[in-house]
Amino acid sequence: MYVIGSACIEEKAGECVDVCPVDCIEEGEDQFYIDPDVCISCGACEAACPVTAIFYIDDLPEDEKPYYEKAVEYYKNK
């Protein structure tokens, strides 16, 4: 699964949404979020992101880990 991190904040380029084959990326108030229950880990979003905001969960830098929880909370409250 992939996570969208801090580089997306206020940037919201959106190329990731266009390439996702399972439509698991939604625009939130300040960034895009990947639904952890729907993501198939294809990597298309990571390759398309022009601001390098998307990380595979196992490669997520320590300082970006809160963004995984932020995505979980976003989808939990939908």
PDB file of N, CA and C in Angstrom:
ATOM      1  N   MET A   1       0.833  -1.180   0.000  1.00  0.00           N
ATOM      2  CA  MET A   1       0.000   0.000   0.000  1.00  0.00           C
ATOM      3  C   MET A   1       0.872   1.236   0.000  1.00  0.00           C
ATOM      4  N   TYR A   2       0.335   2.300  -0.539  1.00  0.00           N
ATOM      5  CA  TYR A   2       1.056   3.560  -0.665  1.00  0.00           C
ATOM      6  C   TYR A   2       0.441   4.626   0.235  1.00  0.00           C
ATOM      7  N   VAL A   3       1.265   5.609   0.581  1.00  0.00           N
ATOM      8  CA  VAL A   3       0.852   6.694   1.465  1.00  0.00           C
ATOM      9  C   VAL A   3       1.264   8.013   0.817  1.00  0.00           C
ATOM     10  N   ILE A   4       0.394   8.997   0.890  1.00  0.00           N
ATOM     11  CA  ILE A   4       0.714  10.336   0.397  1.00  0.00           C
ATOM     12  C   ILE A   4       1.160  11.172   1.590  1.00  0.00           C
ATOM     13  N   GLY A   5       2.337  11.748   1.475  1.00  0.00           N
ATOM     14  CA  GLY A   5       2.947  12.478   2.581  1.00  0.00           C
ATOM     15  C   GLY A   5       2.857  13.991   2.467  1.00  0.00           C
ATOM     16  N   SER A   6       3.726  14.628   3.227  1.00  0.00           N
ATOM     17  CA  SER A   6       3.694  16.071   3.427  1.00  0.00           C
ATOM     18  C   SER A   6       3.893  16.905   2.168  1.00  0.00           C
ATOM     19  N   ALA A   7       4.600  16.404   1.187  1.00  0.00           N
ATOM     20  CA  ALA A   7       4.837  17.201  -0.026  1.00  0.00           C
ATOM     21  C   ALA A   7       3.532  17.513  -0.773  1.00  0.00           C
ATOM     22  N   CYS A   8       2.485  16.772  -0.464  1.00  0.00           N
ATOM     23  CA  CYS A   8       1.186  17.006  -1.114  1.00  0.00           C
ATOM     24  C   CYS A   8       0.415  18.152  -0.449  1.00  0.00           C
ATOM     25  N   ILE A   9       0.758  18.459   0.777  1.00  0.00           N
ATOM     26  CA  ILE A   9       0.020  19.502   1.500  1.00  0.00           C
ATOM     27  C   ILE A   9       0.017  20.790   0.689  1.00  0.00           C
ATOM     28  N   GLU A  10      -1.161  21.288   0.435  1.00  0.00           N
ATOM     29  CA  GLU A  10      -1.401  22.513  -0.320  1.00  0.00           C
ATOM     30  C   GLU A  10      -0.979  22.419  -1.783  1.00  0.00           C
ATOM     31  N   GLU A  11      -0.212  21.415  -2.187  1.00  0.00           N
ATOM     32  CA  GLU A  11       0.205  21.241  -3.584  1.00  0.00           C
ATOM     33  C   GLU A  11      -0.929  20.630  -4.401  1.00  0.00           C
ATOM     34  N   LYS A  12      -1.377  19.457  -3.965  1.00  0.00           N
ATOM     35  CA  LYS A  12      -2.486  18.734  -4.577  1.00  0.00           C
ATOM     36  C   LYS A  12      -2.431  18.737  -6.104  1.00  0.00           C
ATOM     37  N   ALA A  13      -1.342  18.238  -6.655  1.00  0.00           N
ATOM     38  CA  ALA A  13      -1.162  18.221  -8.109  1.00  0.00           C
ATOM     39  C   ALA A  13      -2.229  17.373  -8.803  1.00  0.00           C
ATOM     40  N   GLY A  14      -2.552  16.196  -8.275  1.00  0.00           N
ATOM     41  CA  GLY A  14      -3.656  15.395  -8.789  1.00  0.00           C
ATOM     42  C   GLY A  14      -3.351  14.366  -9.855  1.00  0.00           C
ATOM     43  N   GLU A  15      -2.116  14.304 -10.339  1.00  0.00           N
ATOM     44  CA  GLU A  15      -1.784  13.309 -11.354  1.00  0.00           C
ATOM     45  C   GLU A  15      -2.016  11.893 -10.843  1.00  0.00           C
ATOM     46  N   CYS A  16      -1.851  11.694  -9.543  1.00  0.00           N
ATOM     47  CA  CYS A  16      -2.044  10.377  -8.929  1.00  0.00           C
ATOM     48  C   CYS A  16      -3.470   9.874  -9.118  1.00  0.00           C
ATOM     49  N   VAL A  17      -4.425  10.757  -9.019  1.00  0.00           N
ATOM     50  CA  VAL A  17      -5.834  10.383  -9.166  1.00  0.00           C
ATOM     51  C   VAL A  17      -6.098   9.859 -10.574  1.00  0.00           C
ATOM     52  N   ASP A  18      -5.521  10.518 -11.552  1.00  0.00           N
ATOM     53  CA  ASP A  18      -5.750  10.163 -12.956  1.00  0.00           C
ATOM     54  C   ASP A  18      -5.210   8.787 -13.323  1.00  0.00           C
ATOM     55  N   VAL A  19      -4.142   8.331 -12.655  1.00  0.00           N
ATOM     56  CA  VAL A  19      -3.522   7.053 -13.033  1.00  0.00           C
ATOM     57  C   VAL A  19      -3.930   5.878 -12.162  1.00  0.00           C
ATOM     58  N   CYS A  20      -4.629   6.106 -11.075  1.00  0.00           N
ATOM     59  CA  CYS A  20      -5.005   5.016 -10.161  1.00  0.00           C
ATOM     60  C   CYS A  20      -6.043   4.097 -10.815  1.00  0.00           C
ATOM     61  N   PRO A  21      -5.703   2.809 -10.990  1.00  0.00           N
ATOM     62  CA  PRO A  21      -6.637   1.896 -11.659  1.00  0.00           C
ATOM     63  C   PRO A  21      -7.821   1.458 -10.803  1.00  0.00           C
ATOM     64  N   VAL A  22      -7.774   1.712  -9.490  1.00  0.00           N
ATOM     65  CA  VAL A  22      -8.870   1.275  -8.621  1.00  0.00           C
ATOM     66  C   VAL A  22      -9.577   2.452  -7.940  1.00  0.00           C
ATOM     67  N   ASP A  23      -9.288   3.657  -8.378  1.00  0.00           N
ATOM     68  CA  ASP A  23      -9.933   4.867  -7.841  1.00  0.00           C
ATOM     69  C   ASP A  23      -9.898   4.939  -6.317  1.00  0.00           C
ATOM     70  N   CYS A  24      -8.716   4.718  -5.738  1.00  0.00           N
ATOM     71  CA  CYS A  24      -8.617   4.722  -4.281  1.00  0.00           C
ATOM     72  C   CYS A  24      -8.041   6.022  -3.726  1.00  0.00           C
ATOM     73  N   ILE A  25      -7.898   7.043  -4.558  1.00  0.00           N
ATOM     74  CA  ILE A  25      -7.328   8.317  -4.119  1.00  0.00           C
ATOM     75  C   ILE A  25      -8.409   9.386  -4.174  1.00  0.00           C
ATOM     76  N   GLU A  26      -8.559  10.096  -3.048  1.00  0.00           N
ATOM     77  CA  GLU A  26      -9.549  11.172  -2.964  1.00  0.00           C
ATOM     78  C   GLU A  26      -8.892  12.451  -2.485  1.00  0.00           C
ATOM     79  N   GLU A  27      -9.461  13.557  -2.902  1.00  0.00           N
ATOM     80  CA  GLU A  27      -8.978  14.862  -2.472  1.00  0.00           C
ATOM     81  C   GLU A  27      -9.607  15.240  -1.142  1.00  0.00           C
ATOM     82  N   GLY A  28      -8.749  15.530  -0.169  1.00  0.00           N
ATOM     83  CA  GLY A  28      -9.201  16.014   1.123  1.00  0.00           C
ATOM     84  C   GLY A  28      -9.060  17.521   1.187  1.00  0.00           C
ATOM     85  N   GLU A  29      -9.232  18.063   2.363  1.00  0.00           N
ATOM     86  CA  GLU A  29      -9.179  19.511   2.528  1.00  0.00           C
ATOM     87  C   GLU A  29      -7.816  20.089   2.174  1.00  0.00           C
ATOM     88  N   ASP A  30      -6.744  19.434   2.619  1.00  0.00           N
ATOM     89  CA  ASP A  30      -5.406  19.989   2.399  1.00  0.00           C
ATOM     90  C   ASP A  30      -4.470  19.104   1.581  1.00  0.00           C
ATOM     91  N   GLN A  31      -4.906  17.887   1.234  1.00  0.00           N
ATOM     92  CA  GLN A  31      -4.078  16.970   0.462  1.00  0.00           C
ATOM     93  C   GLN A  31      -4.931  15.848  -0.105  1.00  0.00           C
ATOM     94  N   PHE A  32      -4.315  15.004  -0.931  1.00  0.00           N
ATOM     95  CA  PHE A  32      -4.975  13.789  -1.405  1.00  0.00           C
ATOM     96  C   PHE A  32      -4.682  12.667  -0.425  1.00  0.00           C
ATOM     97  N   TYR A  33      -5.580  11.673  -0.394  1.00  0.00           N
ATOM     98  CA  TYR A  33      -5.423  10.514   0.483  1.00  0.00           C
ATOM     99  C   TYR A  33      -5.629   9.235  -0.312  1.00  0.00           C
ATOM    100  N   ILE A  34      -4.855   8.198   0.048  1.00  0.00           N
ATOM    101  CA  ILE A  34      -5.011   6.877  -0.548  1.00  0.00           C
ATOM    102  C   ILE A  34      -5.750   5.995   0.451  1.00  0.00           C
ATOM    103  N   ASP A  35      -6.832   5.371   0.014  1.00  0.00           N
ATOM    104  CA  ASP A  35      -7.605   4.483   0.879  1.00  0.00           C
ATOM    105  C   ASP A  35      -6.802   3.197   1.110  1.00  0.00           C
ATOM    106  N   PRO A  36      -6.365   2.963   2.348  1.00  0.00           N
ATOM    107  CA  PRO A  36      -5.535   1.788   2.624  1.00  0.00           C
ATOM    108  C   PRO A  36      -6.253   0.460   2.412  1.00  0.00           C
ATOM    109  N   ASP A  37      -7.570   0.468   2.428  1.00  0.00           N
ATOM    110  CA  ASP A  37      -8.336  -0.763   2.236  1.00  0.00           C
ATOM    111  C   ASP A  37      -8.584  -1.082   0.760  1.00  0.00           C
ATOM    112  N   VAL A  38      -8.339  -0.126  -0.110  1.00  0.00           N
ATOM    113  CA  VAL A  38      -8.623  -0.309  -1.530  1.00  0.00           C
ATOM    114  C   VAL A  38      -7.340  -0.371  -2.373  1.00  0.00           C
ATOM    115  N   CYS A  39      -6.287   0.283  -1.930  1.00  0.00           N
ATOM    116  CA  CYS A  39      -5.025   0.335  -2.674  1.00  0.00           C
ATOM    117  C   CYS A  39      -4.509  -1.068  -2.982  1.00  0.00           C
ATOM    118  N   ILE A  40      -4.125  -1.277  -4.246  1.00  0.00           N
ATOM    119  CA  ILE A  40      -3.605  -2.588  -4.667  1.00  0.00           C
ATOM    120  C   ILE A  40      -2.078  -2.575  -4.814  1.00  0.00           C
ATOM    121  N   SER A  41      -1.446  -1.519  -4.376  1.00  0.00           N
ATOM    122  CA  SER A  41       0.022  -1.383  -4.384  1.00  0.00           C
ATOM    123  C   SER A  41       0.633  -1.522  -5.775  1.00  0.00           C
ATOM    124  N   CYS A  42      -0.014  -0.966  -6.768  1.00  0.00           N
ATOM    125  CA  CYS A  42       0.494  -1.073  -8.143  1.00  0.00           C
ATOM    126  C   CYS A  42       1.646  -0.110  -8.408  1.00  0.00           C
ATOM    127  N   GLY A  43       1.704   1.007  -7.675  1.00  0.00           N
ATOM    128  CA  GLY A  43       2.785   1.961  -7.832  1.00  0.00           C
ATOM    129  C   GLY A  43       2.571   3.023  -8.885  1.00  0.00           C
ATOM    130  N   ALA A  44       1.449   2.994  -9.575  1.00  0.00           N
ATOM    131  CA  ALA A  44       1.190   3.981 -10.624  1.00  0.00           C
ATOM    132  C   ALA A  44       1.174   5.403 -10.061  1.00  0.00           C
ATOM    133  N   CYS A  45       0.608   5.563  -8.895  1.00  0.00           N
ATOM    134  CA  CYS A  45       0.517   6.888  -8.284  1.00  0.00           C
ATOM    135  C   CYS A  45       1.898   7.441  -7.935  1.00  0.00           C
ATOM    136  N   GLU A  46       2.758   6.590  -7.402  1.00  0.00           N
ATOM    137  CA  GLU A  46       4.109   7.020  -7.021  1.00  0.00           C
ATOM    138  C   GLU A  46       4.870   7.526  -8.246  1.00  0.00           C
ATOM    139  N   ALA A  47       4.774   6.797  -9.337  1.00  0.00           N
ATOM    140  CA  ALA A  47       5.469   7.180 -10.568  1.00  0.00           C
ATOM    141  C   ALA A  47       4.923   8.481 -11.156  1.00  0.00           C
ATOM    142  N   ALA A  48       3.644   8.750 -10.971  1.00  0.00           N
ATOM    143  CA  ALA A  48       3.011   9.926 -11.564  1.00  0.00           C
ATOM    144  C   ALA A  48       3.150  11.194 -10.733  1.00  0.00           C
ATOM    145  N   CYS A  49       3.470  11.066  -9.470  1.00  0.00           N
ATOM    146  CA  CYS A  49       3.497  12.224  -8.570  1.00  0.00           C
ATOM    147  C   CYS A  49       4.652  13.168  -8.911  1.00  0.00           C
ATOM    148  N   PRO A  50       4.344  14.412  -9.296  1.00  0.00           N
ATOM    149  CA  PRO A  50       5.404  15.349  -9.677  1.00  0.00           C
ATOM    150  C   PRO A  50       6.156  15.961  -8.492  1.00  0.00           C
ATOM    151  N   VAL A  51       5.654  15.759  -7.274  1.00  0.00           N
ATOM    152  CA  VAL A  51       6.308  16.350  -6.098  1.00  0.00           C
ATOM    153  C   VAL A  51       6.886  15.301  -5.154  1.00  0.00           C
ATOM    154  N   THR A  52       6.951  14.059  -5.600  1.00  0.00           N
ATOM    155  CA  THR A  52       7.529  12.948  -4.825  1.00  0.00           C
ATOM    156  C   THR A  52       6.906  12.867  -3.432  1.00  0.00           C
ATOM    157  N   ALA A  53       5.592  12.910  -3.382  1.00  0.00           N
ATOM    158  CA  ALA A  53       4.871  12.867  -2.110  1.00  0.00           C
ATOM    159  C   ALA A  53       4.387  11.478  -1.741  1.00  0.00           C
ATOM    160  N   ILE A  54       4.541  10.503  -2.640  1.00  0.00           N
ATOM    161  CA  ILE A  54       3.949   9.181  -2.431  1.00  0.00           C
ATOM    162  C   ILE A  54       5.036   8.152  -2.157  1.00  0.00           C
ATOM    163  N   PHE A  55       4.812   7.380  -1.089  1.00  0.00           N
ATOM    164  CA  PHE A  55       5.774   6.377  -0.648  1.00  0.00           C
ATOM    165  C   PHE A  55       5.093   5.030  -0.466  1.00  0.00           C
ATOM    166  N   TYR A  56       5.812   3.961  -0.802  1.00  0.00           N
ATOM    167  CA  TYR A  56       5.355   2.628  -0.429  1.00  0.00           C
ATOM    168  C   TYR A  56       5.445   2.553   1.088  1.00  0.00           C
ATOM    169  N   ILE A  57       4.492   1.944   1.747  1.00  0.00           N
ATOM    170  CA  ILE A  57       4.400   1.936   3.206  1.00  0.00           C
ATOM    171  C   ILE A  57       5.703   1.476   3.877  1.00  0.00           C
ATOM    172  N   ASP A  58       6.382   0.479   3.314  1.00  0.00           N
ATOM    173  CA  ASP A  58       7.623  -0.014   3.914  1.00  0.00           C
ATOM    174  C   ASP A  58       8.789   0.952   3.742  1.00  0.00           C
ATOM    175  N   ASP A  59       8.660   1.898   2.806  1.00  0.00           N
ATOM    176  CA  ASP A  59       9.720   2.877   2.551  1.00  0.00           C
ATOM    177  C   ASP A  59       9.384   4.255   3.108  1.00  0.00           C
ATOM    178  N   LEU A  60       8.303   4.338   3.858  1.00  0.00           N
ATOM    179  CA  LEU A  60       7.845   5.615   4.396  1.00  0.00           C
ATOM    180  C   LEU A  60       8.848   6.154   5.416  1.00  0.00           C
ATOM    181  N   PRO A  61       9.414   7.343   5.173  1.00  0.00           N
ATOM    182  CA  PRO A  61      10.351   7.921   6.147  1.00  0.00           C
ATOM    183  C   PRO A  61       9.665   8.137   7.496  1.00  0.00           C
ATOM    184  N   GLU A  62      10.434   8.064   8.537  1.00  0.00           N
ATOM    185  CA  GLU A  62       9.908   8.194   9.900  1.00  0.00           C
ATOM    186  C   GLU A  62       9.059   9.462  10.073  1.00  0.00           C
ATOM    187  N   ASP A  63       9.534  10.573   9.527  1.00  0.00           N
ATOM    188  CA  ASP A  63       8.808  11.834   9.701  1.00  0.00           C
ATOM    189  C   ASP A  63       7.530  11.914   8.863  1.00  0.00           C
ATOM    190  N   GLU A  64       7.321  10.951   7.978  1.00  0.00           N
ATOM    191  CA  GLU A  64       6.107  10.920   7.160  1.00  0.00           C
ATOM    192  C   GLU A  64       5.063   9.941   7.707  1.00  0.00           C
ATOM    193  N   LYS A  65       5.410   9.172   8.727  1.00  0.00           N
ATOM    194  CA  LYS A  65       4.494   8.150   9.254  1.00  0.00           C
ATOM    195  C   LYS A  65       3.161   8.697   9.763  1.00  0.00           C
ATOM    196  N   PRO A  66       3.113   9.905  10.296  1.00  0.00           N
ATOM    197  CA  PRO A  66       1.803  10.431  10.704  1.00  0.00           C
ATOM    198  C   PRO A  66       0.803  10.571   9.548  1.00  0.00           C
ATOM    199  N   TYR A  67       1.306  10.638   8.318  1.00  0.00           N
ATOM    200  CA  TYR A  67       0.414  10.779   7.173  1.00  0.00           C
ATOM    201  C   TYR A  67      -0.331   9.483   6.860  1.00  0.00           C
ATOM    202  N   TYR A  68       0.224   8.365   7.252  1.00  0.00           N
ATOM    203  CA  TYR A  68      -0.510   7.098   7.121  1.00  0.00           C
ATOM    204  C   TYR A  68      -1.717   7.133   8.053  1.00  0.00           C
ATOM    205  N   GLU A  69      -1.486   7.512   9.305  1.00  0.00           N
ATOM    206  CA  GLU A  69      -2.590   7.596  10.276  1.00  0.00           C
ATOM    207  C   GLU A  69      -3.623   8.636   9.848  1.00  0.00           C
ATOM    208  N   LYS A  70      -3.146   9.708   9.250  1.00  0.00           N
ATOM    209  CA  LYS A  70      -4.061  10.746   8.766  1.00  0.00           C
ATOM    210  C   LYS A  70      -4.985  10.185   7.689  1.00  0.00           C
ATOM    211  N   ALA A  71      -4.440   9.352   6.795  1.00  0.00           N
ATOM    212  CA  ALA A  71      -5.256   8.724   5.746  1.00  0.00           C
ATOM    213  C   ALA A  71      -6.252   7.745   6.343  1.00  0.00           C
ATOM    214  N   VAL A  72      -5.803   6.959   7.311  1.00  0.00           N
ATOM    215  CA  VAL A  72      -6.697   5.998   7.971  1.00  0.00           C
ATOM    216  C   VAL A  72      -7.863   6.751   8.613  1.00  0.00           C
ATOM    217  N   GLU A  73      -7.569   7.833   9.303  1.00  0.00           N
ATOM    218  CA  GLU A  73      -8.616   8.633   9.951  1.00  0.00           C
ATOM    219  C   GLU A  73      -9.561   9.255   8.917  1.00  0.00           C
ATOM    220  N   TYR A  74      -8.999   9.730   7.815  1.00  0.00           N
ATOM    221  CA  TYR A  74      -9.814  10.338   6.762  1.00  0.00           C
ATOM    222  C   TYR A  74     -10.874   9.348   6.265  1.00  0.00           C
ATOM    223  N   TYR A  75     -10.452   8.137   5.980  1.00  0.00           N
ATOM    224  CA  TYR A  75     -11.393   7.145   5.440  1.00  0.00           C
ATOM    225  C   TYR A  75     -12.301   6.556   6.521  1.00  0.00           C
ATOM    226  N   LYS A  76     -11.834   6.543   7.756  1.00  0.00           N
ATOM    227  CA  LYS A  76     -12.671   6.048   8.851  1.00  0.00           C
ATOM    228  C   LYS A  76     -13.865   6.970   9.068  1.00  0.00           C
ATOM    229  N   ASN A  77     -13.658   8.239   8.863  1.00  0.00           N
ATOM    230  CA  ASN A  77     -14.702   9.241   9.114  1.00  0.00           C
ATOM    231  C   ASN A  77     -15.587   9.506   7.900  1.00  0.00           C
ATOM    232  N   LYS A  78     -15.449   8.735   6.848  1.00  0.00           N
ATOM    233  CA  LYS A  78     -16.277   8.935   5.642  1.00  0.00           C
ATOM    234  C   LYS A  78     -17.584   8.196   5.763  1.00  0.00           C
TER     235      LYS A  78
END
